[in-house]
Amino acid sequence: MALAWTLDRIRDRTPGIRLRIFADTFHYGFENIAKNTGIYHGERYGANQLLPTMREQKGDMVDLLILGTCEIDLPKLHSELLAIWNERPEDQKFKLVCMVHNTEDLAWQAFIPEWSRRGVLRLVTLGDHVSATFKTKFDELSESRDLQNFTSGYESIPIDAHYPVLDIPGLPQKSSERILSKAVIQGSFDSVRRDYNNLFADLINSLHDNASSWGYHPLIGSRKSFVPDHRGAETPFELYLVGSGQIEIPDELAYMVTVYRNLDYEDFYRFIANCDIVVPAFSSSIYYRFMASSTVALALELNVPILGTLRLRKAYRYIDDDRVVVTRPAAMREVSALKALRTRDASFFLKSDPSGVGRNLSDILGLESAVDNMLEVGWVRQKKDVDEYKQELWHRNELLAERLLRDM
């Protein structure tokens, strides 16, 4: 729907373009989001009307078909769409755009050769790193000794990225003087994808070391959980987990970590927009190479800075900008970065010797200056700067949309 919104915006300067969307009712209240944001003003039909429309041989025949979830759509539609394409006269063929999300999702990729040999296939991903991985994969296939592969035109398949960032209205205005007290991790509660266990362990160790820096009482007596200290000057820190699935929260963090499941979109957006910072907590290379995380786009949509490393910025090139990212050194784990940003002091980290070799972390070349830069820039972002950044991003999306229409 983000791409539909982009195409809708450029219609006025693209004469003769007619846009139609084929989709059934959206789930989790996204219908209200679509209505309130004005994502799409064109004609909308049920998904079951797509193939009959593609078969039409008169009037406004479809020139460009975009499958929004190609991994699911193409296996179901391939045979009939290919028959329709073959039946059309040579001057009335259509182009096929596959929006793809995961380079490791292989089932739909078996259908690529039939379309790439016809020179009508284009891929659109949700991130530059996914595009790069597909390009590397296709380059390898194009040099394969397998006849099926090297004759399929893989190296000529155009691959672009469209960044799924919507314009969400009514975002909260937050004081720039507040202390960092609300962090959120968004996504499925799967330790293969997010490093919940190590993050919990780091939080517990940091609380044992200095609970007051997080706004909590130290553990005393038989108490199993750290409890908030509401008498202190600073707001106690809270970590929210928003997603789906099952996850076990350690007893020590019972008052700090709160889990929210299966929120409707309006509640989902409202809740995360009121947080101070988004923590990706990626635990493997999945989100750096093979697929794009919705967490990154979500943070941009809701004007919440994301805590990332240079690796994240390099992978998601569209967020390689201080206006939307709080950059921590890779040697500084998320919990240490959150504590330093919260207390505006990283001495606890730089003066530590976690490896036990008799050298402080401040001795690592470039680490102290990187930490100092993180604290100097801080974690609060100005709305006007984020809005300016998003306008630039939407313009880049519009250039892609113009290319799609120009190449029909």
Protein backbone atom coordinates (compact mmCIF):
# COMPACT_ATOMS: atom_id res chain seq x y z
CA MET A 1 0.00 0.00 0.00
CA ALA A 2 2.98 2.32 0.44
CA LEU A 3 3.79 1.84 -3.25
CA ALA A 4 0.13 2.42 -4.15
CA TRP A 5 0.33 5.68 -2.20
CA THR A 6 3.46 6.69 -4.11
CA LEU A 7 1.87 5.91 -7.46
CA ASP A 8 -1.23 7.83 -6.43
CA ARG A 9 0.86 10.93 -5.66
CA ILE A 10 2.46 11.08 -9.11
CA ARG A 11 -0.73 10.54 -11.10
CA ASP A 12 -1.31 14.24 -11.63
CA ARG A 13 1.99 14.62 -13.46
CA THR A 14 1.62 11.36 -15.39
CA PRO A 15 -1.23 11.95 -17.90
CA GLY A 16 -3.31 8.98 -18.96
CA ILE A 17 -2.47 6.74 -16.04
CA ARG A 18 -5.30 4.75 -14.49
CA LEU A 19 -4.64 2.98 -11.21
CA ARG A 20 -6.65 0.04 -9.91
CA ILE A 21 -6.07 -1.94 -6.75
CA PHE A 22 -7.26 -5.50 -6.20
CA ALA A 23 -7.40 -6.37 -2.52
CA ASP A 24 -9.78 -7.82 0.00
CA THR A 25 -10.53 -6.20 3.36
CA PHE A 26 -7.41 -5.36 5.36
CA HIS A 27 -6.92 -6.90 8.78
CA TYR A 28 -6.15 -5.41 12.23
CA GLY A 29 -8.00 -2.19 11.49
CA PHE A 30 -5.75 -1.12 8.62
CA GLU A 31 -8.87 -0.06 6.72
CA ASN A 32 -9.10 2.90 9.11
CA ILE A 33 -5.44 3.76 8.54
CA ALA A 34 -5.96 3.65 4.77
CA LYS A 35 -8.96 5.96 5.11
CA ASN A 36 -7.38 8.42 7.55
CA THR A 37 -4.10 8.72 5.67
CA GLY A 38 -5.66 8.95 2.22
CA ILE A 39 -3.27 6.28 0.98
CA TYR A 40 -5.21 5.58 -2.18
CA HIS A 41 -7.88 7.43 -4.13
CA GLY A 42 -8.23 5.14 -7.12
CA GLU A 43 -10.61 2.32 -7.93
CA ARG A 44 -10.60 -0.71 -5.66
CA TYR A 45 -11.80 -4.20 -6.48
CA GLY A 46 -11.86 -7.55 -4.74
CA ALA A 47 -8.86 -9.82 -5.24
CA ASN A 48 -11.04 -12.30 -7.14
CA GLN A 49 -11.59 -9.71 -9.88
CA LEU A 50 -7.91 -9.51 -10.86
CA LEU A 51 -7.78 -12.36 -13.35
CA PRO A 52 -11.07 -11.45 -15.11
CA THR A 53 -9.72 -7.90 -15.48
CA MET A 54 -6.42 -9.17 -16.89
CA ARG A 55 -8.35 -11.23 -19.46
CA GLU A 56 -10.18 -8.20 -20.85
CA GLN A 57 -9.25 -7.67 -24.49
CA LYS A 58 -10.80 -4.23 -24.95
CA GLY A 59 -10.84 -0.83 -23.28
CA ASP A 60 -8.16 0.02 -20.72
CA MET A 61 -6.14 -3.18 -20.72
CA VAL A 62 -3.64 -3.53 -17.89
CA ASP A 63 -0.13 -2.56 -19.03
CA LEU A 64 1.65 -3.01 -15.71
CA LEU A 65 0.74 -5.56 -13.04
CA ILE A 66 2.30 -5.16 -9.59
CA LEU A 67 2.02 -8.12 -7.22
CA GLY A 68 2.35 -6.72 -3.72
CA THR A 69 3.37 -10.01 -2.08
CA CYS A 70 4.92 -11.92 -4.94
CA GLU A 71 6.09 -14.80 -2.76
CA ILE A 72 2.42 -15.63 -2.14
CA ASP A 73 0.75 -14.21 -5.25
CA LEU A 74 2.86 -15.55 -8.09
CA PRO A 75 2.64 -19.29 -7.25
CA LYS A 76 -1.15 -18.96 -7.22
CA LEU A 77 -1.45 -16.80 -10.32
CA HIS A 78 1.51 -17.78 -12.50
CA SER A 79 -0.14 -20.27 -14.86
CA GLU A 80 -3.18 -18.17 -15.63
CA LEU A 81 -1.25 -14.91 -15.90
CA LEU A 82 1.26 -16.49 -18.26
CA ALA A 83 -1.56 -17.86 -20.43
CA ILE A 84 -3.14 -14.40 -20.54
CA TRP A 85 0.21 -12.84 -21.48
CA ASN A 86 0.74 -15.37 -24.27
CA GLU A 87 -2.75 -14.83 -25.66
CA ARG A 88 -2.41 -11.07 -25.94
CA PRO A 89 -1.27 -9.52 -29.23
CA GLU A 90 2.39 -8.49 -29.36
CA ASP A 91 1.57 -4.80 -28.97
CA GLN A 92 -0.65 -5.39 -25.92
CA LYS A 93 1.58 -7.41 -23.60
CA PHE A 94 1.89 -6.39 -19.94
CA LYS A 95 4.90 -5.96 -17.66
CA LEU A 96 5.08 -7.76 -14.30
CA VAL A 97 6.50 -6.18 -11.13
CA CYS A 98 7.16 -8.49 -8.21
CA MET A 99 7.37 -6.88 -4.78
CA VAL A 100 9.53 -9.32 -2.82
CA HIS A 101 10.46 -9.40 0.83
CA ASN A 102 12.88 -12.25 1.44
CA THR A 103 15.66 -13.55 -0.79
CA GLU A 104 15.50 -16.87 1.05
CA ASP A 105 11.85 -17.49 0.15
CA LEU A 106 12.46 -19.80 -2.80
CA ALA A 107 9.12 -21.26 -3.89
CA TRP A 108 8.04 -18.34 -6.09
CA GLN A 109 11.51 -18.02 -7.65
CA ALA A 110 10.92 -21.15 -9.73
CA PHE A 111 8.57 -19.05 -11.89
CA ILE A 112 11.11 -16.30 -12.62
CA PRO A 113 12.57 -17.76 -15.87
CA GLU A 114 9.22 -17.80 -17.69
CA TRP A 115 8.88 -14.06 -17.13
CA SER A 116 12.51 -12.97 -17.36
CA ARG A 117 12.92 -14.71 -20.74
CA ARG A 118 10.07 -12.59 -22.00
CA GLY A 119 11.86 -9.46 -20.77
CA VAL A 120 8.87 -8.26 -18.76
CA LEU A 121 9.87 -8.91 -15.13
CA ARG A 122 11.04 -6.37 -12.58
CA LEU A 123 11.67 -6.77 -8.85
CA VAL A 124 10.95 -4.19 -6.17
CA THR A 125 12.25 -4.87 -2.66
CA LEU A 126 11.75 -3.08 0.65
CA GLY A 127 15.42 -2.30 1.23
CA ASP A 128 18.71 -1.72 -0.56
CA HIS A 129 20.40 -4.68 1.12
CA VAL A 130 17.68 -7.04 -0.16
CA SER A 131 18.13 -5.62 -3.66
CA ALA A 132 21.90 -6.14 -3.41
CA THR A 133 21.49 -9.76 -2.28
CA PHE A 134 19.10 -10.49 -5.14
CA LYS A 135 21.51 -8.91 -7.64
CA THR A 136 24.39 -11.04 -6.37
CA LYS A 137 22.24 -14.15 -6.53
CA PHE A 138 21.02 -13.39 -10.05
CA ASP A 139 24.56 -12.63 -11.25
CA GLU A 140 25.64 -16.06 -10.01
CA LEU A 141 22.69 -17.77 -11.71
CA SER A 142 23.42 -15.98 -14.98
CA GLU A 143 26.92 -17.54 -15.00
CA SER A 144 25.68 -20.98 -14.02
CA ARG A 145 26.53 -24.02 -16.14
CA ASP A 146 22.89 -25.01 -15.92
CA LEU A 147 21.11 -24.34 -19.21
CA GLN A 148 17.88 -23.39 -17.42
CA ASN A 149 19.71 -20.68 -15.48
CA PHE A 150 22.11 -19.06 -17.92
CA THR A 151 19.42 -18.74 -20.59
CA SER A 152 16.93 -17.06 -18.26
CA GLY A 153 18.26 -13.51 -18.47
CA TYR A 154 18.82 -13.15 -14.75
CA GLU A 155 21.47 -10.45 -15.12
CA SER A 156 19.02 -8.24 -17.02
CA ILE A 157 16.22 -8.26 -14.41
CA PRO A 158 15.85 -4.70 -13.05
CA ILE A 159 15.83 -4.57 -9.25
CA ASP A 160 14.80 -1.48 -7.30
CA ALA A 161 13.94 -0.62 -3.71
CA HIS A 162 10.83 1.17 -2.50
CA TYR A 163 10.86 2.31 1.12
CA PRO A 164 7.51 1.52 2.82
CA VAL A 165 7.16 4.66 4.92
CA LEU A 166 3.67 6.16 5.12
CA ASP A 167 2.62 9.62 6.30
CA ILE A 168 0.88 8.87 9.60
CA PRO A 169 -1.21 11.82 10.89
CA GLY A 170 -1.62 12.94 14.48
CA LEU A 171 1.79 11.94 15.80
CA PRO A 172 2.44 13.16 19.38
CA GLN A 173 4.50 16.21 20.20
CA LYS A 174 7.10 15.23 22.80
CA SER A 175 9.28 17.42 25.00
CA SER A 176 12.92 17.61 23.96
CA GLU A 177 13.88 17.84 27.65
CA ARG A 178 12.55 14.44 28.64
CA ILE A 179 14.74 11.61 29.88
CA LEU A 180 14.97 8.41 27.87
CA SER A 181 12.51 6.14 29.64
CA LYS A 182 10.50 4.22 27.01
CA ALA A 183 12.20 1.84 24.58
CA VAL A 184 10.42 -0.61 22.31
CA ILE A 185 11.34 -3.77 20.42
CA GLN A 186 8.83 -4.57 17.67
CA GLY A 187 8.51 -7.93 15.95
CA SER A 188 7.80 -11.59 16.45
CA PHE A 189 9.01 -13.01 19.75
CA ASP A 190 11.55 -15.25 18.06
CA SER A 191 15.06 -15.46 19.52
CA VAL A 192 16.39 -16.52 16.09
CA ARG A 193 15.48 -13.07 14.79
CA ARG A 194 15.91 -10.90 17.88
CA ASP A 195 18.42 -11.25 20.67
CA TYR A 196 15.98 -11.15 23.57
CA ASN A 197 17.96 -13.48 25.83
CA ASN A 198 21.23 -11.55 25.73
CA LEU A 199 19.42 -8.23 25.99
CA PHE A 200 17.55 -9.43 29.09
CA ALA A 201 20.83 -10.69 30.60
CA ASP A 202 22.51 -7.34 29.94
CA LEU A 203 19.63 -5.48 31.56
CA ILE A 204 19.73 -7.68 34.65
CA ASN A 205 23.50 -7.25 35.00
CA SER A 206 23.19 -3.49 34.60
CA LEU A 207 20.42 -3.33 37.21
CA HIS A 208 22.53 -5.32 39.66
CA ASP A 209 25.42 -2.95 38.99
CA ASN A 210 23.42 0.27 39.47
CA ALA A 211 19.65 -0.01 39.66
CA SER A 212 19.15 3.67 40.45
CA SER A 213 20.49 4.70 37.03
CA TRP A 214 17.44 2.95 35.55
CA GLY A 215 15.06 4.40 38.15
CA TYR A 216 14.72 1.16 40.16
CA HIS A 217 15.36 -0.05 43.69
CA PRO A 218 18.15 -2.61 44.16
CA LEU A 219 17.17 -6.15 45.05
CA ILE A 220 16.88 -6.60 48.80
CA GLY A 221 15.89 -9.54 50.96
CA SER A 222 13.90 -12.22 49.18
CA ARG A 223 12.61 -9.91 46.46
CA LYS A 224 12.97 -11.48 42.99
CA SER A 225 12.10 -8.45 40.86
CA PHE A 226 13.58 -4.99 40.55
CA VAL A 227 10.80 -2.52 41.35
CA PRO A 228 10.51 1.09 40.14
CA ASP A 229 11.68 3.87 42.42
CA HIS A 230 8.98 6.50 41.92
CA ARG A 231 10.51 8.70 44.60
CA GLY A 232 13.55 9.42 42.43
CA ALA A 233 13.98 12.45 40.23
CA GLU A 234 14.08 10.42 37.01
CA THR A 235 11.27 8.44 35.39
CA PRO A 236 11.87 4.67 35.67
CA PHE A 237 12.94 3.01 32.44
CA GLU A 238 10.48 0.70 30.67
CA LEU A 239 11.03 -1.73 27.81
CA TYR A 240 8.04 -2.68 25.68
CA LEU A 241 7.88 -5.76 23.48
CA VAL A 242 5.25 -5.39 20.76
CA GLY A 243 4.55 -8.30 18.47
CA SER A 244 3.24 -11.85 18.45
CA GLY A 245 4.14 -15.22 19.85
CA GLN A 246 5.25 -16.41 23.26
CA ILE A 247 8.14 -15.12 25.33
CA GLU A 248 9.23 -15.63 28.92
CA ILE A 249 10.25 -12.56 30.88
CA PRO A 250 12.82 -13.10 33.66
CA ASP A 251 11.52 -12.49 37.18
CA GLU A 252 14.05 -9.69 37.69
CA LEU A 253 12.49 -7.70 34.82
CA ALA A 254 8.83 -8.27 35.68
CA TYR A 255 8.25 -4.57 36.39
CA MET A 256 10.48 -3.23 33.60
CA VAL A 257 9.43 -5.30 30.58
CA THR A 258 5.84 -5.29 29.30
CA VAL A 259 4.54 -7.43 26.43
CA TYR A 260 1.81 -6.32 23.99
CA ARG A 261 0.38 -8.73 21.43
CA ASN A 262 -1.81 -8.45 18.33
CA LEU A 263 -2.64 -4.75 18.57
CA ASP A 264 -4.88 -3.14 15.96
CA TYR A 265 -2.97 -0.74 13.74
CA GLU A 266 -4.34 2.41 15.35
CA ASP A 267 -3.34 1.25 18.84
CA PHE A 268 -0.08 -0.14 17.47
CA TYR A 269 0.91 3.17 15.88
CA ARG A 270 -0.27 5.24 18.84
CA PHE A 271 1.62 3.12 21.33
CA ILE A 272 4.97 3.05 19.52
CA ALA A 273 4.75 6.73 18.56
CA ASN A 274 4.76 7.58 22.27
CA CYS A 275 8.03 5.72 22.86
CA ASP A 276 11.43 7.41 22.99
CA ILE A 277 13.53 5.01 20.95
CA VAL A 278 13.21 1.84 18.87
CA VAL A 279 15.66 -1.00 19.53
CA PRO A 280 16.09 -3.43 16.57
CA ALA A 281 17.90 -6.11 18.66
CA PHE A 282 18.65 -8.20 15.54
CA SER A 283 20.31 -11.48 16.45
CA SER A 284 21.53 -12.71 13.05
CA SER A 285 22.28 -11.59 9.50
CA ILE A 286 18.69 -12.24 8.37
CA TYR A 287 17.68 -8.59 8.54
CA TYR A 288 21.02 -7.34 7.24
CA ARG A 289 21.14 -9.46 4.08
CA PHE A 290 18.05 -11.47 3.21
CA MET A 291 14.98 -9.50 4.21
CA ALA A 292 13.94 -6.02 5.29
CA SER A 293 12.66 -5.47 8.81
CA SER A 294 9.39 -3.60 9.21
CA THR A 295 10.86 -2.15 12.42
CA VAL A 296 13.07 0.24 10.47
CA ALA A 297 10.26 1.70 8.35
CA LEU A 298 7.95 1.80 11.36
CA ALA A 299 10.37 3.95 13.35
CA LEU A 300 10.55 6.44 10.47
CA GLU A 301 6.79 6.54 10.04
CA LEU A 302 6.25 7.37 13.70
CA ASN A 303 9.13 9.85 14.17
CA VAL A 304 10.85 7.63 16.74
CA PRO A 305 14.67 7.38 16.42
CA ILE A 306 16.12 3.92 15.94
CA LEU A 307 19.18 2.72 17.86
CA GLY A 308 21.53 1.21 15.30
CA THR A 309 25.12 0.57 14.33
CA LEU A 310 27.03 1.51 11.20
CA ARG A 311 26.15 -1.97 9.93
CA LEU A 312 22.46 -1.12 10.12
CA ARG A 313 23.03 2.19 8.36
CA LYS A 314 25.01 0.51 5.58
CA ALA A 315 22.39 -2.19 5.06
CA TYR A 316 19.37 0.13 5.19
CA ARG A 317 20.98 2.90 3.20
CA TYR A 318 17.83 4.98 3.24
CA ILE A 319 18.29 5.55 7.00
CA ASP A 320 21.97 6.42 6.77
CA ASP A 321 21.21 9.79 8.32
CA ASP A 322 21.69 11.24 11.81
CA ARG A 323 18.25 12.80 11.62
CA VAL A 324 16.61 9.40 12.16
CA VAL A 325 19.28 7.10 13.64
CA VAL A 326 21.06 7.08 17.00
CA THR A 327 24.37 5.44 16.12
CA ARG A 328 26.02 3.28 18.77
CA PRO A 329 29.47 1.75 18.30
CA ALA A 330 29.27 -1.97 17.59
CA ALA A 331 31.36 -2.68 20.71
CA MET A 332 28.67 -1.01 22.82
CA ARG A 333 25.72 -3.32 23.32
CA GLU A 334 22.18 -1.90 23.25
CA VAL A 335 21.73 -1.85 27.03
CA SER A 336 24.96 0.06 27.59
CA ALA A 337 23.99 2.55 24.89
CA LEU A 338 20.54 3.03 26.41
CA LYS A 339 22.02 3.60 29.85
CA ALA A 340 24.58 6.07 28.51
CA LEU A 341 21.93 7.98 26.56
CA ARG A 342 19.61 7.95 29.57
CA THR A 343 22.23 9.17 32.06
CA ARG A 344 24.23 11.24 29.51
CA ASP A 345 27.32 9.50 30.86
CA ALA A 346 29.30 6.60 29.35
CA SER A 347 32.17 6.48 31.84
CA PHE A 348 30.81 3.21 33.28
CA PHE A 349 31.34 1.66 29.87
CA LEU A 350 34.62 3.24 28.78
CA LYS A 351 36.34 2.52 32.11
CA SER A 352 35.31 -1.14 32.14
CA ASP A 353 37.51 -4.11 31.20
CA PRO A 354 35.03 -6.85 30.19
CA SER A 355 37.69 -8.99 28.48
CA GLY A 356 39.87 -9.01 31.61
CA VAL A 357 43.11 -8.17 29.81
CA GLY A 358 43.94 -5.16 31.94
CA ARG A 359 42.92 -2.61 29.33
CA ASN A 360 39.85 -0.38 29.47
CA LEU A 361 37.47 -0.18 26.54
CA SER A 362 38.53 3.43 26.09
CA ASP A 363 41.86 2.08 24.82
CA ILE A 364 40.19 0.58 21.72
CA LEU A 365 41.07 2.77 18.76
CA GLY A 366 38.24 5.13 17.88
CA LEU A 367 35.76 3.75 20.43
CA GLU A 368 35.83 6.66 22.86
CA SER A 369 35.31 9.24 20.11
CA ALA A 370 32.42 7.19 18.70
CA VAL A 371 30.77 7.04 22.12
CA ASP A 372 31.37 10.76 22.66
CA ASN A 373 29.77 11.50 19.29
CA MET A 374 26.73 9.38 20.16
CA LEU A 375 26.22 11.31 23.38
CA GLU A 376 26.88 14.68 21.75
CA VAL A 377 24.24 14.08 19.08
CA GLY A 378 21.95 12.56 21.72
CA TRP A 379 18.77 10.63 21.15
CA VAL A 380 16.14 13.37 20.84
CA ARG A 381 15.28 14.28 17.25
CA GLN A 382 13.51 17.44 16.11
CA LYS A 383 10.25 16.90 14.25
CA LYS A 384 11.10 19.43 11.56
CA ASP A 385 14.33 17.58 10.77
CA VAL A 386 12.58 14.22 10.58
CA ASP A 387 9.81 15.69 8.41
CA GLU A 388 12.42 17.13 6.06
CA TYR A 389 14.13 13.76 5.86
CA LYS A 390 10.86 11.96 5.07
CA GLN A 391 10.07 14.41 2.27
CA GLU A 392 13.42 13.53 0.70
CA LEU A 393 12.67 9.81 1.11
CA TRP A 394 9.23 10.13 -0.48
CA HIS A 395 10.79 11.98 -3.40
CA ARG A 396 13.14 9.02 -3.96
CA ASN A 397 10.12 6.70 -3.91
CA GLU A 398 8.42 8.91 -6.49
CA LEU A 399 11.43 8.65 -8.80
CA LEU A 400 11.12 4.86 -8.64
CA ALA A 401 7.39 5.04 -9.39
CA GLU A 402 8.10 7.23 -12.39
CA ARG A 403 10.59 4.66 -13.65
CA LEU A 404 8.02 1.90 -13.32
CA LEU A 405 5.51 3.86 -15.37
CA ARG A 406 8.04 5.10 -17.92
CA ASP A 407 9.23 1.55 -18.64
CA MET A 408 5.76 0.11 -19.25
